[in-house]
Amino acid sequence: MTGDETPEKEISVETEENQVEEKPKKKSRRFSGSKKKIEELNAELAESKDKHLRLFAEFENFKKRTMRERLDLMKTAGQDTINKILPVLDDFDRAKKSAEDETTEEQLSEGVLMVYNKLYAVMGTLGVKPMETNGEVFDAEMHEAITEIPAPSEEMKGKIIDTVEKGYYMHDKIIRFAKVVVGK
């Protein structure tokens, strides 16, 4: 034996069996009452364990839901600001399209093109991307049809002919629906 160990002592305990033999009638009543008490306590313990497990599971679900909501909020925190910047991008797109048209004498300066490209790059780093719509099949969950026109060819029926206003995604969530013209 090491110094840390203590010798085990035998403890003499009078068992209920010894007492049952002496007074059988009184002990059986007390013993059956004890069984009922034990069963009640076991049922109460099981109920408490069940309540505890349910409460713990509910708390874990709450933590997960809160974390998901927080992540979603962080992803879309700037959505209002970005929605206010999108008309500026539309104006840039129209100016660029006008400058690229050969029938006009209007030109876009190099500095304006740099600002345009930089603005699109910054929006890309924020998770904003434009929808590709021209020639795609019309989908009411992604596109807003402004009008329908006769399709120039048979294969363009039900497809997008022209995009009036670009739609945008932010982290794969639609923040603005594309306004389109559909062929019928």
C-alpha atoms as a PDB file:
ATOM      1  CA  MET A   1       0.000   0.000   0.000  1.00  0.00           C
ATOM      2  CA  THR A   2       1.111   3.509  -0.751  1.00  0.00           C
ATOM      3  CA  GLY A   3       0.669   6.406   1.642  1.00  0.00           C
ATOM      4  CA  ASP A   4      -2.254   7.809  -0.383  1.00  0.00           C
ATOM      5  CA  GLU A   5      -4.454   4.730  -0.043  1.00  0.00           C
ATOM      6  CA  THR A   6      -6.577   4.154   3.003  1.00  0.00           C
ATOM      7  CA  PRO A   7      -7.541   0.689   4.108  1.00  0.00           C
ATOM      8  CA  GLU A   8     -11.124  -0.204   3.391  1.00  0.00           C
ATOM      9  CA  LYS A   9     -13.256  -0.661   6.445  1.00  0.00           C
ATOM     10  CA  GLU A  10     -16.122  -3.044   6.553  1.00  0.00           C
ATOM     11  CA  ILE A  11     -19.285  -1.429   7.686  1.00  0.00           C
ATOM     12  CA  SER A  12     -21.907  -3.554   9.266  1.00  0.00           C
ATOM     13  CA  VAL A  13     -25.355  -2.672   8.008  1.00  0.00           C
ATOM     14  CA  GLU A  14     -28.484  -4.395   9.116  1.00  0.00           C
ATOM     15  CA  THR A  15     -30.408  -5.347   6.027  1.00  0.00           C
ATOM     16  CA  GLU A  16     -34.147  -5.169   5.634  1.00  0.00           C
ATOM     17  CA  GLU A  17     -34.194  -8.927   5.124  1.00  0.00           C
ATOM     18  CA  ASN A  18     -33.144  -9.463   8.717  1.00  0.00           C
ATOM     19  CA  GLN A  19     -35.904  -7.154   9.857  1.00  0.00           C
ATOM     20  CA  VAL A  20     -38.498  -8.819   7.621  1.00  0.00           C
ATOM     21  CA  GLU A  21     -38.010 -12.150   9.322  1.00  0.00           C
ATOM     22  CA  GLU A  22     -38.676 -10.728  12.745  1.00  0.00           C
ATOM     23  CA  LYS A  23     -41.859  -8.803  11.927  1.00  0.00           C
ATOM     24  CA  PRO A  24     -43.231  -9.990   8.596  1.00  0.00           C
ATOM     25  CA  LYS A  25     -46.553  -8.057   8.534  1.00  0.00           C
ATOM     26  CA  LYS A  26     -45.212  -4.630   9.471  1.00  0.00           C
ATOM     27  CA  LYS A  27     -42.213  -4.903   7.178  1.00  0.00           C
ATOM     28  CA  SER A  28     -44.205  -5.955   4.121  1.00  0.00           C
ATOM     29  CA  ARG A  29     -46.377  -2.826   4.425  1.00  0.00           C
ATOM     30  CA  ARG A  30     -43.359  -0.625   4.899  1.00  0.00           C
ATOM     31  CA  PHE A  31     -41.527  -2.454   2.139  1.00  0.00           C
ATOM     32  CA  SER A  32     -44.429  -2.088  -0.340  1.00  0.00           C
ATOM     33  CA  GLY A  33     -44.686   1.585   0.601  1.00  0.00           C
ATOM     34  CA  SER A  34     -40.981   1.931  -0.121  1.00  0.00           C
ATOM     35  CA  LYS A  35     -41.430   0.312  -3.530  1.00  0.00           C
ATOM     36  CA  LYS A  36     -44.164   2.795  -4.382  1.00  0.00           C
ATOM     37  CA  LYS A  37     -41.992   5.656  -3.223  1.00  0.00           C
ATOM     38  CA  ILE A  38     -39.059   4.365  -5.295  1.00  0.00           C
ATOM     39  CA  GLU A  39     -41.286   4.008  -8.366  1.00  0.00           C
ATOM     40  CA  GLU A  40     -42.629   7.547  -7.866  1.00  0.00           C
ATOM     41  CA  LEU A  41     -39.112   8.907  -7.485  1.00  0.00           C
ATOM     42  CA  ASN A  42     -37.927   7.012 -10.584  1.00  0.00           C
ATOM     43  CA  ALA A  43     -40.867   8.356 -12.607  1.00  0.00           C
ATOM     44  CA  GLU A  44     -40.134  11.881 -11.360  1.00  0.00           C
ATOM     45  CA  LEU A  45     -36.448  11.443 -12.223  1.00  0.00           C
ATOM     46  CA  ALA A  46     -37.289  10.198 -15.729  1.00  0.00           C
ATOM     47  CA  GLU A  47     -39.622  13.157 -16.249  1.00  0.00           C
ATOM     48  CA  SER A  48     -36.943  15.582 -15.058  1.00  0.00           C
ATOM     49  CA  LYS A  49     -34.366  13.995 -17.377  1.00  0.00           C
ATOM     50  CA  ASP A  50     -36.800  14.266 -20.306  1.00  0.00           C
ATOM     51  CA  LYS A  51     -37.506  17.937 -19.537  1.00  0.00           C
ATOM     52  CA  HIS A  52     -33.784  18.598 -19.267  1.00  0.00           C
ATOM     53  CA  LEU A  53     -33.026  16.912 -22.602  1.00  0.00           C
ATOM     54  CA  ARG A  54     -35.825  18.793 -24.348  1.00  0.00           C
ATOM     55  CA  LEU A  55     -34.688  22.087 -22.867  1.00  0.00           C
ATOM     56  CA  PHE A  56     -31.097  21.389 -23.892  1.00  0.00           C
ATOM     57  CA  ALA A  57     -32.162  20.483 -27.448  1.00  0.00           C
ATOM     58  CA  GLU A  58     -34.311  23.603 -27.657  1.00  0.00           C
ATOM     59  CA  PHE A  59     -31.388  25.738 -26.507  1.00  0.00           C
ATOM     60  CA  GLU A  60     -29.056  24.148 -29.085  1.00  0.00           C
ATOM     61  CA  ASN A  61     -31.610  24.842 -31.838  1.00  0.00           C
ATOM     62  CA  PHE A  62     -31.902  28.436 -30.612  1.00  0.00           C
ATOM     63  CA  LYS A  63     -28.113  28.869 -30.773  1.00  0.00           C
ATOM     64  CA  LYS A  64     -27.957  27.442 -34.306  1.00  0.00           C
ATOM     65  CA  ARG A  65     -30.875  29.571 -35.509  1.00  0.00           C
ATOM     66  CA  THR A  66     -29.363  32.701 -33.968  1.00  0.00           C
ATOM     67  CA  MET A  67     -26.004  31.981 -35.598  1.00  0.00           C
ATOM     68  CA  ARG A  68     -27.655  31.447 -38.996  1.00  0.00           C
ATOM     69  CA  GLU A  69     -29.625  34.684 -38.652  1.00  0.00           C
ATOM     70  CA  ARG A  70     -26.481  36.556 -37.668  1.00  0.00           C
ATOM     71  CA  LEU A  71     -24.591  35.215 -40.699  1.00  0.00           C
ATOM     72  CA  ASP A  72     -27.486  36.122 -43.007  1.00  0.00           C
ATOM     73  CA  LEU A  73     -27.594  39.598 -41.504  1.00  0.00           C
ATOM     74  CA  MET A  74     -23.858  40.049 -42.014  1.00  0.00           C
ATOM     75  CA  LYS A  75     -24.164  38.909 -45.635  1.00  0.00           C
ATOM     76  CA  THR A  76     -26.981  41.296 -46.429  1.00  0.00           C
ATOM     77  CA  ALA A  77     -26.104  44.161 -44.075  1.00  0.00           C
ATOM     78  CA  GLY A  78     -25.253  46.497 -46.932  1.00  0.00           C
ATOM     79  CA  GLN A  79     -28.203  45.495 -49.106  1.00  0.00           C
ATOM     80  CA  ASP A  80     -30.073  48.790 -48.593  1.00  0.00           C
ATOM     81  CA  THR A  81     -27.001  50.798 -49.519  1.00  0.00           C
ATOM     82  CA  ILE A  82     -26.319  48.625 -52.550  1.00  0.00           C
ATOM     83  CA  ASN A  83     -29.939  48.961 -53.694  1.00  0.00           C
ATOM     84  CA  LYS A  84     -29.443  52.731 -53.684  1.00  0.00           C
ATOM     85  CA  ILE A  85     -26.239  52.415 -55.748  1.00  0.00           C
ATOM     86  CA  LEU A  86     -27.800  50.141 -58.395  1.00  0.00           C
ATOM     87  CA  PRO A  87     -29.476  53.049 -60.278  1.00  0.00           C
ATOM     88  CA  VAL A  88     -26.025  54.635 -60.591  1.00  0.00           C
ATOM     89  CA  LEU A  89     -24.762  51.411 -62.175  1.00  0.00           C
ATOM     90  CA  ASP A  90     -27.756  51.515 -64.532  1.00  0.00           C
ATOM     91  CA  ASP A  91     -26.842  55.061 -65.543  1.00  0.00           C
ATOM     92  CA  PHE A  92     -23.237  53.991 -66.171  1.00  0.00           C
ATOM     93  CA  ASP A  93     -24.463  51.066 -68.296  1.00  0.00           C
ATOM     94  CA  ARG A  94     -26.683  53.348 -70.378  1.00  0.00           C
ATOM     95  CA  ALA A  95     -23.858  55.878 -70.837  1.00  0.00           C
ATOM     96  CA  LYS A  96     -21.446  53.140 -71.878  1.00  0.00           C
ATOM     97  CA  LYS A  97     -23.975  51.622 -74.282  1.00  0.00           C
ATOM     98  CA  SER A  98     -24.625  55.053 -75.778  1.00  0.00           C
ATOM     99  CA  ALA A  99     -20.902  55.724 -76.174  1.00  0.00           C
ATOM    100  CA  GLU A 100     -20.374  52.330 -77.869  1.00  0.00           C
ATOM    101  CA  ASP A 101     -23.146  53.062 -80.379  1.00  0.00           C
ATOM    102  CA  GLU A 102     -21.520  53.998 -83.689  1.00  0.00           C
ATOM    103  CA  THR A 103     -24.330  56.335 -84.731  1.00  0.00           C
ATOM    104  CA  THR A 104     -23.627  58.809 -81.904  1.00  0.00           C
ATOM    105  CA  GLU A 105     -20.654  61.073 -81.493  1.00  0.00           C
ATOM    106  CA  GLU A 106     -20.742  60.749 -77.717  1.00  0.00           C
ATOM    107  CA  GLN A 107     -17.665  59.258 -76.101  1.00  0.00           C
ATOM    108  CA  LEU A 108     -16.851  58.055 -72.648  1.00  0.00           C
ATOM    109  CA  SER A 109     -13.568  59.325 -71.283  1.00  0.00           C
ATOM    110  CA  GLU A 110     -10.948  56.920 -70.018  1.00  0.00           C
ATOM    111  CA  GLY A 111     -11.405  58.195 -66.460  1.00  0.00           C
ATOM    112  CA  VAL A 112     -15.146  57.533 -66.519  1.00  0.00           C
ATOM    113  CA  LEU A 113     -14.518  54.005 -67.833  1.00  0.00           C
ATOM    114  CA  MET A 114     -12.041  53.429 -64.997  1.00  0.00           C
ATOM    115  CA  VAL A 115     -14.644  54.554 -62.445  1.00  0.00           C
ATOM    116  CA  TYR A 116     -17.227  52.308 -64.117  1.00  0.00           C
ATOM    117  CA  ASN A 117     -14.918  49.269 -63.989  1.00  0.00           C
ATOM    118  CA  LYS A 118     -13.848  49.990 -60.431  1.00  0.00           C
ATOM    119  CA  LEU A 119     -17.445  50.336 -59.257  1.00  0.00           C
ATOM    120  CA  TYR A 120     -18.322  46.968 -60.790  1.00  0.00           C
ATOM    121  CA  ALA A 121     -15.207  45.406 -59.204  1.00  0.00           C
ATOM    122  CA  VAL A 122     -16.127  46.749 -55.751  1.00  0.00           C
ATOM    123  CA  MET A 123     -19.680  45.466 -56.128  1.00  0.00           C
ATOM    124  CA  GLY A 124     -18.233  42.079 -57.067  1.00  0.00           C
ATOM    125  CA  THR A 125     -16.146  41.967 -53.878  1.00  0.00           C
ATOM    126  CA  LEU A 126     -19.347  42.642 -51.912  1.00  0.00           C
ATOM    127  CA  GLY A 127     -20.961  39.606 -53.530  1.00  0.00           C
ATOM    128  CA  VAL A 128     -23.111  41.548 -56.004  1.00  0.00           C
ATOM    129  CA  LYS A 129     -23.372  40.161 -59.528  1.00  0.00           C
ATOM    130  CA  PRO A 130     -25.639  41.076 -62.430  1.00  0.00           C
ATOM    131  CA  MET A 131     -28.111  38.553 -63.857  1.00  0.00           C
ATOM    132  CA  GLU A 132     -27.571  37.307 -67.370  1.00  0.00           C
ATOM    133  CA  THR A 133     -30.995  37.592 -68.988  1.00  0.00           C
ATOM    134  CA  ASN A 134     -30.951  38.174 -72.751  1.00  0.00           C
ATOM    135  CA  GLY A 135     -31.854  34.998 -74.623  1.00  0.00           C
ATOM    136  CA  GLU A 136     -32.758  33.146 -71.406  1.00  0.00           C
ATOM    137  CA  VAL A 137     -36.121  31.478 -70.801  1.00  0.00           C
ATOM    138  CA  PHE A 138     -38.472  33.784 -68.890  1.00  0.00           C
ATOM    139  CA  ASP A 139     -38.748  32.795 -65.198  1.00  0.00           C
ATOM    140  CA  ALA A 140     -41.314  34.723 -63.140  1.00  0.00           C
ATOM    141  CA  GLU A 141     -39.319  34.067 -59.970  1.00  0.00           C
ATOM    142  CA  MET A 142     -36.273  35.903 -61.339  1.00  0.00           C
ATOM    143  CA  HIS A 143     -37.652  38.276 -63.957  1.00  0.00           C
ATOM    144  CA  GLU A 144     -40.333  40.916 -64.085  1.00  0.00           C
ATOM    145  CA  ALA A 145     -41.990  41.071 -67.502  1.00  0.00           C
ATOM    146  CA  ILE A 146     -42.683  44.642 -68.543  1.00  0.00           C
ATOM    147  CA  THR A 147     -44.206  43.758 -71.902  1.00  0.00           C
ATOM    148  CA  GLU A 148     -44.518  41.046 -74.497  1.00  0.00           C
ATOM    149  CA  ILE A 149     -43.680  41.569 -78.132  1.00  0.00           C
ATOM    150  CA  PRO A 150     -43.929  39.241 -81.122  1.00  0.00           C
ATOM    151  CA  ALA A 151     -40.867  37.005 -81.161  1.00  0.00           C
ATOM    152  CA  PRO A 152     -38.456  37.647 -84.057  1.00  0.00           C
ATOM    153  CA  SER A 153     -38.062  33.888 -84.526  1.00  0.00           C
ATOM    154  CA  GLU A 154     -39.828  30.730 -83.418  1.00  0.00           C
ATOM    155  CA  GLU A 155     -37.078  29.735 -80.989  1.00  0.00           C
ATOM    156  CA  MET A 156     -37.319  33.079 -79.140  1.00  0.00           C
ATOM    157  CA  LYS A 157     -40.914  32.480 -78.036  1.00  0.00           C
ATOM    158  CA  GLY A 158     -41.085  32.519 -74.220  1.00  0.00           C
ATOM    159  CA  LYS A 159     -37.540  33.844 -74.031  1.00  0.00           C
ATOM    160  CA  ILE A 160     -36.231  37.249 -73.042  1.00  0.00           C
ATOM    161  CA  ILE A 161     -35.755  39.544 -76.021  1.00  0.00           C
ATOM    162  CA  ASP A 162     -34.444  42.644 -74.223  1.00  0.00           C
ATOM    163  CA  THR A 163     -33.485  43.688 -70.697  1.00  0.00           C
ATOM    164  CA  VAL A 164     -34.814  47.095 -69.667  1.00  0.00           C
ATOM    165  CA  GLU A 165     -33.266  47.032 -66.174  1.00  0.00           C
ATOM    166  CA  LYS A 166     -30.661  44.518 -65.011  1.00  0.00           C
ATOM    167  CA  GLY A 167     -31.378  42.237 -62.103  1.00  0.00           C
ATOM    168  CA  TYR A 168     -28.771  41.618 -59.416  1.00  0.00           C
ATOM    169  CA  TYR A 169     -27.813  38.876 -56.988  1.00  0.00           C
ATOM    170  CA  MET A 170     -26.105  39.402 -53.659  1.00  0.00           C
ATOM    171  CA  HIS A 171     -24.568  36.174 -52.343  1.00  0.00           C
ATOM    172  CA  ASP A 172     -26.924  34.135 -54.565  1.00  0.00           C
ATOM    173  CA  LYS A 173     -29.989  35.980 -53.215  1.00  0.00           C
ATOM    174  CA  ILE A 174     -31.942  38.166 -55.619  1.00  0.00           C
ATOM    175  CA  ILE A 175     -31.816  41.788 -54.484  1.00  0.00           C
ATOM    176  CA  ARG A 176     -33.425  43.222 -57.617  1.00  0.00           C
ATOM    177  CA  PHE A 177     -35.489  41.451 -60.248  1.00  0.00           C
ATOM    178  CA  ALA A 178     -34.629  42.020 -63.893  1.00  0.00           C
ATOM    179  CA  LYS A 179     -37.207  43.997 -65.868  1.00  0.00           C
ATOM    180  CA  VAL A 180     -37.445  42.351 -69.253  1.00  0.00           C
ATOM    181  CA  VAL A 181     -39.287  42.204 -72.563  1.00  0.00           C
ATOM    182  CA  VAL A 182     -40.516  38.699 -73.469  1.00  0.00           C
ATOM    183  CA  GLY A 183     -41.204  37.256 -76.921  1.00  0.00           C
ATOM    184  CA  LYS A 184     -44.573  35.646 -77.528  1.00  0.00           C
END
